[in-house]
PDB file of N, CA and C in Angstrom:
ATOM      1  N   UNK A   1      21.433  84.433  59.226  1.00  0.00           N
ATOM      2  CA  UNK A   1      22.781  85.419  59.378  1.00  0.00           C
ATOM      3  C   UNK A   1      22.178  86.324  58.151  1.00  0.00           C
ATOM      4  N   UNK A   2      21.980  87.685  58.706  1.00  0.00           N
ATOM      5  CA  UNK A   2      21.451  88.690  57.610  1.00  0.00           C
ATOM      6  C   UNK A   2      22.567  89.138  56.950  1.00  0.00           C
ATOM      7  N   UNK A   3      22.301  90.289  55.864  1.00  0.00           N
ATOM      8  CA  UNK A   3      23.191  91.265  55.258  1.00  0.00           C
ATOM      9  C   UNK A   3      22.663  92.323  54.858  1.00  0.00           C
ATOM     10  N   UNK A   4      23.602  93.543  55.203  1.00  0.00           N
ATOM     11  CA  UNK A   4      22.505  94.684  55.234  1.00  0.00           C
ATOM     12  C   UNK A   4      22.458  94.850  53.622  1.00  0.00           C
ATOM     13  N   UNK A   5      21.217  95.244  53.261  1.00  0.00           N
ATOM     14  CA  UNK A   5      20.341  95.562  52.065  1.00  0.00           C
ATOM     15  C   UNK A   5      19.670  94.517  51.808  1.00  0.00           C
ATOM     16  N   UNK A   6      19.982  93.172  52.344  1.00  0.00           N
ATOM     17  CA  UNK A   6      18.870  92.099  52.086  1.00  0.00           C
ATOM     18  C   UNK A   6      17.264  92.509  52.210  1.00  0.00           C
ATOM     19  N   UNK A   7      16.436  92.224  51.349  1.00  0.00           N
ATOM     20  CA  UNK A   7      15.113  92.055  51.374  1.00  0.00           C
ATOM     21  C   UNK A   7      14.294  90.795  51.877  1.00  0.00           C
ATOM     22  N   UNK A   8      13.538  90.757  53.102  1.00  0.00           N
ATOM     23  CA  UNK A   8      12.904  89.737  53.397  1.00  0.00           C
ATOM     24  C   UNK A   8      11.449  90.123  53.061  1.00  0.00           C
ATOM     25  N   UNK A   9      10.737  88.880  52.887  1.00  0.00           N
ATOM     26  CA  UNK A   9       9.288  88.870  53.118  1.00  0.00           C
ATOM     27  C   UNK A   9       8.610  87.656  53.355  1.00  0.00           C
ATOM     28  N   UNK A  10       7.125  88.286  54.663  1.00  0.00           N
ATOM     29  CA  UNK A  10       6.836  87.025  55.238  1.00  0.00           C
ATOM     30  C   UNK A  10       5.563  86.385  54.189  1.00  0.00           C
ATOM     31  N   UNK A  11       5.724  85.431  53.860  1.00  0.00           N
ATOM     32  CA  UNK A  11       4.789  84.473  52.854  1.00  0.00           C
ATOM     33  C   UNK A  11       3.328  84.278  53.110  1.00  0.00           C
ATOM     34  N   UNK A  12       3.275  84.822  54.741  1.00  0.00           N
ATOM     35  CA  UNK A  12       2.027  84.381  55.302  1.00  0.00           C
ATOM     36  C   UNK A  12       1.258  85.745  55.274  1.00  0.00           C
ATOM     37  N   UNK A  13       1.830  86.845  55.874  1.00  0.00           N
ATOM     38  CA  UNK A  13       0.968  88.142  55.825  1.00  0.00           C
ATOM     39  C   UNK A  13       1.386  89.390  55.065  1.00  0.00           C
ATOM     40  N   UNK A  14       2.740  89.024  54.388  1.00  0.00           N
ATOM     41  CA  UNK A  14       3.054  90.160  53.248  1.00  0.00           C
ATOM     42  C   UNK A  14       3.985  91.052  53.922  1.00  0.00           C
ATOM     43  N   UNK A  15       4.440  91.081  55.199  1.00  0.00           N
ATOM     44  CA  UNK A  15       5.498  92.014  55.488  1.00  0.00           C
ATOM     45  C   UNK A  15       6.672  91.792  54.702  1.00  0.00           C
ATOM     46  N   UNK A  16       7.103  93.051  54.612  1.00  0.00           N
ATOM     47  CA  UNK A  16       8.435  93.359  54.068  1.00  0.00           C
ATOM     48  C   UNK A  16       9.416  93.871  54.969  1.00  0.00           C
ATOM     49  N   UNK A  17      10.629  93.426  54.996  1.00  0.00           N
ATOM     50  CA  UNK A  17      11.575  93.878  55.818  1.00  0.00           C
ATOM     51  C   UNK A  17      12.992  94.270  54.997  1.00  0.00           C
ATOM     52  N   UNK A  18      13.421  95.418  55.340  1.00  0.00           N
ATOM     53  CA  UNK A  18      14.652  95.814  54.641  1.00  0.00           C
ATOM     54  C   UNK A  18      15.857  95.640  55.515  1.00  0.00           C
ATOM     55  N   UNK A  19      16.693  94.993  55.255  1.00  0.00           N
ATOM     56  CA  UNK A  19      17.732  94.936  56.480  1.00  0.00           C
ATOM     57  C   UNK A  19      18.814  95.912  56.538  1.00  0.00           C
ATOM     58  N   UNK A  20      19.014  96.892  57.119  1.00  0.00           N
ATOM     59  CA  UNK A  20      19.899  98.197  57.499  1.00  0.00           C
ATOM     60  C   UNK A  20      20.932  97.835  58.213  1.00  0.00           C
ATOM     61  N   UNK A  21      21.072  96.938  59.272  1.00  0.00           N
ATOM     62  CA  UNK A  21      22.256  96.577  60.028  1.00  0.00           C
ATOM     63  C   UNK A  21      21.986  94.968  60.199  1.00  0.00           C
ATOM     64  N   UNK A  22      23.027  94.539  59.783  1.00  0.00           N
ATOM     65  CA  UNK A  22      23.010  92.912  59.740  1.00  0.00           C
ATOM     66  C   UNK A  22      23.150  92.437  60.941  1.00  0.00           C
ATOM     67  N   UNK A  23      23.108  91.141  61.489  1.00  0.00           N
ATOM     68  CA  UNK A  23      22.780  90.368  62.301  1.00  0.00           C
ATOM     69  C   UNK A  23      22.996  89.152  62.495  1.00  0.00           C
ATOM     70  N   UNK A  24      22.957  88.481  63.528  1.00  0.00           N
ATOM     71  CA  UNK A  24      23.165  87.225  63.402  1.00  0.00           C
ATOM     72  C   UNK A  24      22.221  86.014  63.424  1.00  0.00           C
ATOM     73  N   UNK A  25      20.991  86.714  63.937  1.00  0.00           N
ATOM     74  CA  UNK A  25      19.548  86.107  64.154  1.00  0.00           C
ATOM     75  C   UNK A  25      18.907  85.900  62.821  1.00  0.00           C
ATOM     76  N   UNK A  26      17.952  85.159  62.800  1.00  0.00           N
ATOM     77  CA  UNK A  26      17.054  84.795  61.548  1.00  0.00           C
ATOM     78  C   UNK A  26      15.813  85.860  61.751  1.00  0.00           C
ATOM     79  N   UNK A  27      15.550  86.259  60.461  1.00  0.00           N
ATOM     80  CA  UNK A  27      13.932  86.861  60.685  1.00  0.00           C
ATOM     81  C   UNK A  27      12.788  85.814  60.715  1.00  0.00           C
ATOM     82  N   UNK A  28      12.136  86.346  61.591  1.00  0.00           N
ATOM     83  CA  UNK A  28      10.798  85.694  61.651  1.00  0.00           C
ATOM     84  C   UNK A  28       9.625  86.395  61.747  1.00  0.00           C
ATOM     85  N   UNK A  29       8.349  86.121  61.040  1.00  0.00           N
ATOM     86  CA  UNK A  29       7.119  86.610  60.922  1.00  0.00           C
ATOM     87  C   UNK A  29       5.959  85.427  61.063  1.00  0.00           C
ATOM     88  N   UNK A  30       4.894  85.850  61.615  1.00  0.00           N
ATOM     89  CA  UNK A  30       3.972  84.834  61.788  1.00  0.00           C
ATOM     90  C   UNK A  30       4.401  83.743  62.153  1.00  0.00           C
ATOM     91  N   UNK A  31       5.608  83.708  63.054  1.00  0.00           N
ATOM     92  CA  UNK A  31       5.885  82.310  63.854  1.00  0.00           C
ATOM     93  C   UNK A  31       6.440  81.575  62.732  1.00  0.00           C
ATOM     94  N   UNK A  32       7.115  81.588  61.501  1.00  0.00           N
ATOM     95  CA  UNK A  32       7.871  81.127  60.519  1.00  0.00           C
ATOM     96  C   UNK A  32       8.836  82.166  59.840  1.00  0.00           C
ATOM     97  N   UNK A  33      10.000  81.520  59.402  1.00  0.00           N
ATOM     98  CA  UNK A  33      11.101  82.251  58.818  1.00  0.00           C
ATOM     99  C   UNK A  33      10.687  83.044  57.690  1.00  0.00           C
ATOM    100  N   UNK A  34      11.422  84.291  57.558  1.00  0.00           N
ATOM    101  CA  UNK A  34      10.990  84.952  56.280  1.00  0.00           C
ATOM    102  C   UNK A  34      11.861  84.586  55.120  1.00  0.00           C
ATOM    103  N   UNK A  35      11.175  84.767  53.986  1.00  0.00           N
ATOM    104  CA  UNK A  35      11.575  84.334  52.597  1.00  0.00           C
ATOM    105  C   UNK A  35      12.457  85.404  52.521  1.00  0.00           C
ATOM    106  N   UNK A  36      13.879  85.289  52.204  1.00  0.00           N
ATOM    107  CA  UNK A  36      14.876  86.347  51.575  1.00  0.00           C
ATOM    108  C   UNK A  36      14.585  86.367  49.997  1.00  0.00           C
ATOM    109  N   UNK A  37      14.184  87.731  49.257  1.00  0.00           N
ATOM    110  CA  UNK A  37      14.038  88.021  48.267  1.00  0.00           C
ATOM    111  C   UNK A  37      15.351  88.136  47.209  1.00  0.00           C
ATOM    112  N   UNK A  38      14.978  86.752  46.173  1.00  0.00           N
ATOM    113  CA  UNK A  38      16.419  87.180  45.033  1.00  0.00           C
ATOM    114  C   UNK A  38      16.105  88.472  44.229  1.00  0.00           C
ATOM    115  N   UNK A  39      16.904  89.173  44.118  1.00  0.00           N
ATOM    116  CA  UNK A  39      16.924  90.532  42.812  1.00  0.00           C
ATOM    117  C   UNK A  39      17.182  89.755  41.744  1.00  0.00           C
ATOM    118  N   UNK A  40      16.116  90.087  40.990  1.00  0.00           N
ATOM    119  CA  UNK A  40      16.045  89.380  39.448  1.00  0.00           C
ATOM    120  C   UNK A  40      16.498  90.661  38.625  1.00  0.00           C
ATOM    121  N   UNK A  41      17.160  90.450  37.705  1.00  0.00           N
ATOM    122  CA  UNK A  41      17.566  91.097  36.528  1.00  0.00           C
ATOM    123  C   UNK A  41      17.633  90.845  35.361  1.00  0.00           C
ATOM    124  N   UNK A  42      17.798  90.064  34.893  1.00  0.00           N
ATOM    125  CA  UNK A  42      17.268  89.526  33.453  1.00  0.00           C
ATOM    126  C   UNK A  42      16.541  88.300  33.181  1.00  0.00           C
ATOM    127  N   UNK A  43      15.759  87.854  34.118  1.00  0.00           N
ATOM    128  CA  UNK A  43      14.730  86.742  33.943  1.00  0.00           C
ATOM    129  C   UNK A  43      13.643  87.150  33.088  1.00  0.00           C
ATOM    130  N   UNK A  44      12.641  86.246  33.012  1.00  0.00           N
ATOM    131  CA  UNK A  44      11.821  86.387  32.381  1.00  0.00           C
ATOM    132  C   UNK A  44      10.921  87.648  32.668  1.00  0.00           C
ATOM    133  N   UNK A  45      10.308  88.685  32.244  1.00  0.00           N
ATOM    134  CA  UNK A  45       9.604  89.770  32.793  1.00  0.00           C
ATOM    135  C   UNK A  45      10.140  90.951  32.905  1.00  0.00           C
ATOM    136  N   UNK A  46      11.653  91.308  32.755  1.00  0.00           N
ATOM    137  CA  UNK A  46      12.341  92.074  32.992  1.00  0.00           C
ATOM    138  C   UNK A  46      12.169  93.108  32.026  1.00  0.00           C
ATOM    139  N   UNK A  47      11.431  93.066  30.664  1.00  0.00           N
ATOM    140  CA  UNK A  47      11.035  94.358  29.997  1.00  0.00           C
ATOM    141  C   UNK A  47      10.062  95.183  30.461  1.00  0.00           C
ATOM    142  N   UNK A  48       9.257  94.679  31.959  1.00  0.00           N
ATOM    143  CA  UNK A  48       8.254  95.329  32.398  1.00  0.00           C
ATOM    144  C   UNK A  48       8.570  95.655  34.021  1.00  0.00           C
ATOM    145  N   UNK A  49      10.052  94.785  34.016  1.00  0.00           N
ATOM    146  CA  UNK A  49       9.837  95.225  35.626  1.00  0.00           C
ATOM    147  C   UNK A  49      11.473  95.666  36.269  1.00  0.00           C
ATOM    148  N   UNK A  50      12.258  95.752  34.921  1.00  0.00           N
ATOM    149  CA  UNK A  50      13.880  96.119  35.110  1.00  0.00           C
ATOM    150  C   UNK A  50      13.725  97.675  35.774  1.00  0.00           C
ATOM    151  N   UNK A  51      13.950  98.114  36.805  1.00  0.00           N
ATOM    152  CA  UNK A  51      14.056  99.674  36.782  1.00  0.00           C
ATOM    153  C   UNK A  51      15.413 100.364  36.258  1.00  0.00           C
ATOM    154  N   UNK A  52      14.997 101.360  35.410  1.00  0.00           N
ATOM    155  CA  UNK A  52      15.703 101.981  34.666  1.00  0.00           C
ATOM    156  C   UNK A  52      16.410 103.415  34.706  1.00  0.00           C
ATOM    157  N   UNK A  53      17.580 103.949  34.693  1.00  0.00           N
ATOM    158  CA  UNK A  53      17.747 105.207  35.420  1.00  0.00           C
ATOM    159  C   UNK A  53      17.725 106.174  34.129  1.00  0.00           C
ATOM    160  N   UNK A  54      17.343 107.693  34.321  1.00  0.00           N
ATOM    161  CA  UNK A  54      17.328 108.506  33.273  1.00  0.00           C
ATOM    162  C   UNK A  54      18.149 109.709  34.072  1.00  0.00           C
ATOM    163  N   UNK A  55      19.090 110.483  33.321  1.00  0.00           N
ATOM    164  CA  UNK A  55      19.418 111.791  34.289  1.00  0.00           C
ATOM    165  C   UNK A  55      18.060 112.970  33.832  1.00  0.00           C
ATOM    166  N   UNK A  56      18.029 113.560  34.990  1.00  0.00           N
ATOM    167  CA  UNK A  56      17.169 114.939  34.796  1.00  0.00           C
ATOM    168  C   UNK A  56      17.700 116.310  35.191  1.00  0.00           C
ATOM    169  N   UNK A  57      17.276 117.282  35.084  1.00  0.00           N
ATOM    170  CA  UNK A  57      17.720 118.384  35.649  1.00  0.00           C
ATOM    171  C   UNK A  57      17.969 118.474  36.853  1.00  0.00           C
ATOM    172  N   UNK A  58      17.075 117.750  37.538  1.00  0.00           N
ATOM    173  CA  UNK A  58      16.940 117.795  39.085  1.00  0.00           C
ATOM    174  C   UNK A  58      17.665 116.670  39.817  1.00  0.00           C
ATOM    175  N   UNK A  59      18.046 115.681  38.666  1.00  0.00           N
ATOM    176  CA  UNK A  59      18.698 114.355  39.263  1.00  0.00           C
ATOM    177  C   UNK A  59      18.739 113.097  38.776  1.00  0.00           C
ATOM    178  N   UNK A  60      17.777 112.489  39.400  1.00  0.00           N
ATOM    179  CA  UNK A  60      17.440 111.256  38.200  1.00  0.00           C
ATOM    180  C   UNK A  60      16.272 110.581  38.515  1.00  0.00           C
ATOM    181  N   UNK A  61      15.824 110.024  37.518  1.00  0.00           N
ATOM    182  CA  UNK A  61      14.345 109.655  37.224  1.00  0.00           C
ATOM    183  C   UNK A  61      14.389 108.100  37.080  1.00  0.00           C
ATOM    184  N   UNK A  62      13.741 107.235  37.877  1.00  0.00           N
ATOM    185  CA  UNK A  62      13.743 106.093  37.626  1.00  0.00           C
ATOM    186  C   UNK A  62      12.487 105.406  37.115  1.00  0.00           C
ATOM    187  N   UNK A  63      12.381 105.045  36.099  1.00  0.00           N
ATOM    188  CA  UNK A  63      11.117 104.299  35.295  1.00  0.00           C
ATOM    189  C   UNK A  63      11.370 102.569  35.287  1.00  0.00           C
ATOM    190  N   UNK A  64      10.191 102.099  35.828  1.00  0.00           N
ATOM    191  CA  UNK A  64      10.168 100.915  35.819  1.00  0.00           C
ATOM    192  C   UNK A  64       9.852 100.104  34.439  1.00  0.00           C
ATOM    193  N   UNK A  65      10.671  99.310  33.918  1.00  0.00           N
ATOM    194  CA  UNK A  65      10.442  98.693  32.612  1.00  0.00           C
ATOM    195  C   UNK A  65      10.751  99.842  31.534  1.00  0.00           C
ATOM    196  N   UNK A  66      11.150  98.770  30.282  1.00  0.00           N
ATOM    197  CA  UNK A  66      11.319  99.679  29.164  1.00  0.00           C
ATOM    198  C   UNK A  66       9.806  99.853  28.313  1.00  0.00           C
ATOM    199  N   UNK A  67       9.064  98.672  28.827  1.00  0.00           N
ATOM    200  CA  UNK A  67       7.433  98.931  28.800  1.00  0.00           C
ATOM    201  C   UNK A  67       7.010  99.498  29.760  1.00  0.00           C
ATOM    202  N   UNK A  68       6.159 100.637  30.220  1.00  0.00           N
ATOM    203  CA  UNK A  68       5.728 100.813  31.279  1.00  0.00           C
ATOM    204  C   UNK A  68       4.984  99.780  32.156  1.00  0.00           C
ATOM    205  N   UNK A  69       4.960  99.410  33.537  1.00  0.00           N
ATOM    206  CA  UNK A  69       4.608  98.353  34.048  1.00  0.00           C
ATOM    207  C   UNK A  69       3.306  98.519  34.644  1.00  0.00           C
ATOM    208  N   UNK A  70       2.356  98.021  34.364  1.00  0.00           N
ATOM    209  CA  UNK A  70       1.032  98.045  35.177  1.00  0.00           C
ATOM    210  C   UNK A  70       1.104  98.721  36.222  1.00  0.00           C
ATOM    211  N   UNK A  71      -0.152  99.711  36.717  1.00  0.00           N
ATOM    212  CA  UNK A  71      -0.223  99.876  37.992  1.00  0.00           C
ATOM    213  C   UNK A  71      -1.891 100.017  38.419  1.00  0.00           C
ATOM    214  N   UNK A  72      -2.061  98.469  38.401  1.00  0.00           N
ATOM    215  CA  UNK A  72      -3.591  98.156  38.644  1.00  0.00           C
ATOM    216  C   UNK A  72      -3.447  97.906  40.109  1.00  0.00           C
ATOM    217  N   UNK A  73      -4.785  97.632  40.523  1.00  0.00           N
ATOM    218  CA  UNK A  73      -4.972  97.418  42.159  1.00  0.00           C
ATOM    219  C   UNK A  73      -4.372  96.177  42.318  1.00  0.00           C
ATOM    220  N   UNK A  74      -4.385  94.833  41.446  1.00  0.00           N
ATOM    221  CA  UNK A  74      -3.582  93.689  41.795  1.00  0.00           C
ATOM    222  C   UNK A  74      -2.649  93.265  41.083  1.00  0.00           C
ATOM    223  N   UNK A  75      -1.841  94.482  40.416  1.00  0.00           N
ATOM    224  CA  UNK A  75      -0.737  94.341  39.916  1.00  0.00           C
ATOM    225  C   UNK A  75      -0.220  95.481  39.598  1.00  0.00           C
ATOM    226  N   UNK A  76       1.159  96.076  40.845  1.00  0.00           N
ATOM    227  CA  UNK A  76       1.497  97.148  40.681  1.00  0.00           C
ATOM    228  C   UNK A  76       3.221  97.438  41.491  1.00  0.00           C
ATOM    229  N   UNK A  77       3.652  98.334  41.104  1.00  0.00           N
ATOM    230  CA  UNK A  77       5.122  98.277  41.506  1.00  0.00           C
ATOM    231  C   UNK A  77       4.435  99.066  42.980  1.00  0.00           C
ATOM    232  N   UNK A  78       5.261  98.854  44.175  1.00  0.00           N
ATOM    233  CA  UNK A  78       4.920  99.109  45.650  1.00  0.00           C
ATOM    234  C   UNK A  78       5.978 100.059  45.828  1.00  0.00           C
ATOM    235  N   UNK A  79       7.199 100.045  45.376  1.00  0.00           N
ATOM    236  CA  UNK A  79       8.039 100.975  45.664  1.00  0.00           C
ATOM    237  C   UNK A  79       9.177 100.824  44.835  1.00  0.00           C
ATOM    238  N   UNK A  80      10.335 102.080  44.629  1.00  0.00           N
ATOM    239  CA  UNK A  80      11.514 101.909  44.281  1.00  0.00           C
ATOM    240  C   UNK A  80      12.443 102.568  44.766  1.00  0.00           C
ATOM    241  N   UNK A  81      13.725 101.795  45.037  1.00  0.00           N
ATOM    242  CA  UNK A  81      14.786 102.406  45.943  1.00  0.00           C
ATOM    243  C   UNK A  81      15.950 102.455  45.113  1.00  0.00           C
ATOM    244  N   UNK A  82      16.733 103.895  45.207  1.00  0.00           N
ATOM    245  CA  UNK A  82      17.690 104.421  44.828  1.00  0.00           C
ATOM    246  C   UNK A  82      19.048 104.378  45.952  1.00  0.00           C
ATOM    247  N   UNK A  83      20.421 103.896  45.954  1.00  0.00           N
ATOM    248  CA  UNK A  83      21.389 103.762  46.695  1.00  0.00           C
ATOM    249  C   UNK A  83      22.414 104.767  46.103  1.00  0.00           C
ATOM    250  N   UNK A  84      23.139 105.354  46.876  1.00  0.00           N
ATOM    251  CA  UNK A  84      24.222 106.146  46.394  1.00  0.00           C
ATOM    252  C   UNK A  84      25.239 105.831  47.239  1.00  0.00           C
ATOM    253  N   UNK A  85      25.781 105.094  47.613  1.00  0.00           N
ATOM    254  CA  UNK A  85      26.888 104.456  48.615  1.00  0.00           C
ATOM    255  C   UNK A  85      26.273 104.649  50.224  1.00  0.00           C
ATOM    256  N   UNK A  86      26.096 105.928  50.782  1.00  0.00           N
ATOM    257  CA  UNK A  86      26.212 105.934  52.217  1.00  0.00           C
ATOM    258  C   UNK A  86      24.359 106.588  52.490  1.00  0.00           C
ATOM    259  N   UNK A  87      23.791 106.507  51.207  1.00  0.00           N
ATOM    260  CA  UNK A  87      22.391 107.009  51.471  1.00  0.00           C
ATOM    261  C   UNK A  87      21.369 105.882  50.641  1.00  0.00           C
ATOM    262  N   UNK A  88      20.005 106.158  51.098  1.00  0.00           N
ATOM    263  CA  UNK A  88      19.183 104.964  50.610  1.00  0.00           C
ATOM    264  C   UNK A  88      17.950 106.000  50.208  1.00  0.00           C
ATOM    265  N   UNK A  89      17.413 106.144  49.483  1.00  0.00           N
ATOM    266  CA  UNK A  89      16.188 106.680  48.935  1.00  0.00           C
ATOM    267  C   UNK A  89      14.948 105.691  48.442  1.00  0.00           C
ATOM    268  N   UNK A  90      13.744 105.967  48.907  1.00  0.00           N
ATOM    269  CA  UNK A  90      12.817 105.157  48.554  1.00  0.00           C
ATOM    270  C   UNK A  90      11.327 105.940  48.511  1.00  0.00           C
ATOM    271  N   UNK A  91      10.754 105.545  47.155  1.00  0.00           N
ATOM    272  CA  UNK A  91       9.670 106.274  46.757  1.00  0.00           C
ATOM    273  C   UNK A  91       8.513 105.225  46.897  1.00  0.00           C
ATOM    274  N   UNK A  92       7.859 105.353  47.853  1.00  0.00           N
ATOM    275  CA  UNK A  92       6.421 104.408  47.842  1.00  0.00           C
ATOM    276  C   UNK A  92       5.448 104.579  46.448  1.00  0.00           C
ATOM    277  N   UNK A  93       4.755 103.688  45.857  1.00  0.00           N
ATOM    278  CA  UNK A  93       3.575 103.694  44.739  1.00  0.00           C
ATOM    279  C   UNK A  93       2.678 103.190  44.963  1.00  0.00           C
ATOM    280  N   UNK A  94       1.349 103.575  44.362  1.00  0.00           N
ATOM    281  CA  UNK A  94       0.306 102.977  44.705  1.00  0.00           C
ATOM    282  C   UNK A  94      -0.353 102.796  43.190  1.00  0.00           C
ATOM    283  N   UNK A  95      -1.257 101.895  43.287  1.00  0.00           N
ATOM    284  CA  UNK A  95      -2.217 101.677  42.078  1.00  0.00           C
ATOM    285  C   UNK A  95      -2.775 102.958  41.670  1.00  0.00           C
ATOM    286  N   UNK A  96      -2.487 103.326  40.035  1.00  0.00           N
ATOM    287  CA  UNK A  96      -2.950 104.445  39.455  1.00  0.00           C
ATOM    288  C   UNK A  96      -1.631 105.688  39.301  1.00  0.00           C
ATOM    289  N   UNK A  97      -0.543 105.403  40.554  1.00  0.00           N
ATOM    290  CA  UNK A  97       0.602 106.384  39.926  1.00  0.00           C
ATOM    291  C   UNK A  97       1.112 105.841  38.673  1.00  0.00           C
ATOM    292  N   UNK A  98       2.085 106.699  38.399  1.00  0.00           N
ATOM    293  CA  UNK A  98       3.102 106.038  37.093  1.00  0.00           C
ATOM    294  C   UNK A  98       4.250 105.444  37.859  1.00  0.00           C
ATOM    295  N   UNK A  99       4.769 104.167  36.885  1.00  0.00           N
ATOM    296  CA  UNK A  99       5.593 103.535  37.594  1.00  0.00           C
ATOM    297  C   UNK A  99       6.921 103.987  37.276  1.00  0.00           C
ATOM    298  N   UNK A 100       7.094 105.146  38.015  1.00  0.00           N
ATOM    299  CA  UNK A 100       8.657 105.974  38.058  1.00  0.00           C
ATOM    300  C   UNK A 100       8.842 106.758  39.392  1.00  0.00           C
ATOM    301  N   UNK A 101       9.954 107.049  39.683  1.00  0.00           N
ATOM    302  CA  UNK A 101      10.180 107.819  40.639  1.00  0.00           C
ATOM    303  C   UNK A 101      11.444 109.131  40.423  1.00  0.00           C
ATOM    304  N   UNK A 102      11.212 110.048  41.156  1.00  0.00           N
ATOM    305  CA  UNK A 102      12.583 111.074  40.981  1.00  0.00           C
ATOM    306  C   UNK A 102      13.086 111.169  42.323  1.00  0.00           C
ATOM    307  N   UNK A 103      14.702 111.516  42.197  1.00  0.00           N
ATOM    308  CA  UNK A 103      15.265 111.400  43.315  1.00  0.00           C
ATOM    309  C   UNK A 103      16.221 112.379  43.050  1.00  0.00           C
ATOM    310  N   UNK A 104      16.558 113.450  44.082  1.00  0.00           N
ATOM    311  CA  UNK A 104      17.422 114.462  43.789  1.00  0.00           C
ATOM    312  C   UNK A 104      18.629 114.074  44.003  1.00  0.00           C
ATOM    313  N   UNK A 105      19.218 113.529  43.337  1.00  0.00           N
ATOM    314  CA  UNK A 105      20.682 112.722  43.505  1.00  0.00           C
ATOM    315  C   UNK A 105      21.918 113.096  42.296  1.00  0.00           C
ATOM    316  N   UNK A 106      22.753 113.412  42.532  1.00  0.00           N
ATOM    317  CA  UNK A 106      23.730 113.122  41.416  1.00  0.00           C
ATOM    318  C   UNK A 106      24.144 111.694  40.652  1.00  0.00           C
ATOM    319  N   UNK A 107      23.458 111.674  39.438  1.00  0.00           N
ATOM    320  CA  UNK A 107      23.616 110.623  38.770  1.00  0.00           C
ATOM    321  C   UNK A 107      24.865 109.511  38.938  1.00  0.00           C
ATOM    322  N   UNK A 108      26.093 110.159  38.889  1.00  0.00           N
ATOM    323  CA  UNK A 108      27.320 109.591  38.964  1.00  0.00           C
ATOM    324  C   UNK A 108      27.506 108.967  40.479  1.00  0.00           C
ATOM    325  N   UNK A 109      26.674 109.423  41.594  1.00  0.00           N
ATOM    326  CA  UNK A 109      26.615 108.761  42.794  1.00  0.00           C
ATOM    327  C   UNK A 109      26.273 107.379  42.988  1.00  0.00           C
ATOM    328  N   UNK A 110      25.051 107.121  41.797  1.00  0.00           N
ATOM    329  CA  UNK A 110      24.178 106.020  42.080  1.00  0.00           C
ATOM    330  C   UNK A 110      24.809 104.685  42.031  1.00  0.00           C
ATOM    331  N   UNK A 111      24.668 104.076  42.877  1.00  0.00           N
ATOM    332  CA  UNK A 111      25.169 102.619  43.172  1.00  0.00           C
ATOM    333  C   UNK A 111      24.507 101.345  42.902  1.00  0.00           C
ATOM    334  N   UNK A 112      22.902 101.571  43.104  1.00  0.00           N
ATOM    335  CA  UNK A 112      22.054 100.554  42.990  1.00  0.00           C
ATOM    336  C   UNK A 112      20.730 101.301  42.798  1.00  0.00           C
ATOM    337  N   UNK A 113      19.811 100.480  41.812  1.00  0.00           N
ATOM    338  CA  UNK A 113      18.440 100.903  41.480  1.00  0.00           C
ATOM    339  C   UNK A 113      17.922  99.600  41.672  1.00  0.00           C
ATOM    340  N   UNK A 114      16.533  99.437  42.835  1.00  0.00           N
ATOM    341  CA  UNK A 114      15.401  98.334  42.870  1.00  0.00           C
ATOM    342  C   UNK A 114      14.096  99.145  42.830  1.00  0.00           C
ATOM    343  N   UNK A 115      13.422  97.683  42.439  1.00  0.00           N
ATOM    344  CA  UNK A 115      11.835  98.257  42.506  1.00  0.00           C
ATOM    345  C   UNK A 115      11.301  96.706  42.874  1.00  0.00           C
ATOM    346  N   UNK A 116      10.334  97.012  43.271  1.00  0.00           N
ATOM    347  CA  UNK A 116       9.369  95.688  43.968  1.00  0.00           C
ATOM    348  C   UNK A 116       7.985  95.585  43.064  1.00  0.00           C
ATOM    349  N   UNK A 117       7.759  94.731  42.711  1.00  0.00           N
ATOM    350  CA  UNK A 117       6.303  94.317  42.016  1.00  0.00           C
ATOM    351  C   UNK A 117       5.669  93.370  43.169  1.00  0.00           C
ATOM    352  N   UNK A 118       4.310  93.969  43.612  1.00  0.00           N
ATOM    353  CA  UNK A 118       3.745  92.996  44.180  1.00  0.00           C
ATOM    354  C   UNK A 118       3.207  91.312  43.731  1.00  0.00           C
ATOM    355  N   UNK A 119       3.379  91.155  42.331  1.00  0.00           N
ATOM    356  CA  UNK A 119       3.508  89.931  42.164  1.00  0.00           C
ATOM    357  C   UNK A 119       4.463  89.254  41.664  1.00  0.00           C
ATOM    358  N   UNK A 120       5.438  89.878  41.263  1.00  0.00           N
ATOM    359  CA  UNK A 120       6.647  89.172  40.280  1.00  0.00           C
ATOM    360  C   UNK A 120       8.070  89.634  41.166  1.00  0.00           C
ATOM    361  N   UNK A 121       8.022  90.201  42.200  1.00  0.00           N
ATOM    362  CA  UNK A 121       8.885  90.340  43.460  1.00  0.00           C
ATOM    363  C   UNK A 121      10.077  91.863  43.179  1.00  0.00           C
ATOM    364  N   UNK A 122      11.194  91.353  43.349  1.00  0.00           N
ATOM    365  CA  UNK A 122      12.189  92.469  43.565  1.00  0.00           C
ATOM    366  C   UNK A 122      13.161  92.246  42.422  1.00  0.00           C
ATOM    367  N   UNK A 123      13.485  93.363  41.534  1.00  0.00           N
ATOM    368  CA  UNK A 123      14.007  93.763  40.486  1.00  0.00           C
ATOM    369  C   UNK A 123      15.320  94.432  40.643  1.00  0.00           C
ATOM    370  N   UNK A 124      16.405  94.458  39.746  1.00  0.00           N
ATOM    371  CA  UNK A 124      17.303  95.499  40.283  1.00  0.00           C
ATOM    372  C   UNK A 124      18.028  95.962  38.742  1.00  0.00           C
ATOM    373  N   UNK A 125      18.695  96.905  38.852  1.00  0.00           N
ATOM    374  CA  UNK A 125      19.494  97.236  37.442  1.00  0.00           C
ATOM    375  C   UNK A 125      20.682  97.004  37.913  1.00  0.00           C
TER     376      UNK A 125
END
């Protein structure tokens, strides 16, 4: 059974699924059940992985890590997600980008921030 907001990954091909509407079934890819990703927060590695929010004149900037996360071909942040109750914003990143994203939202409405590292998984603030 899935829950709204969960993130699943296929350990074989790397597909990632974000659950928007919960259901009764199991998510399967490459003929095997997908892995539910655990949201990490204070684990080892948080210094470079936990997303941090800053207020800006245009809304919110999310930087990944107190120390900037590497953005190399083999180790990088793939995306940053910000939720404001009934809205979800996602910024896709690629190697060479800065490990940050800007969102035009009122900082007081932010309910969740998550980032995904291609090696170290899902992180939240």
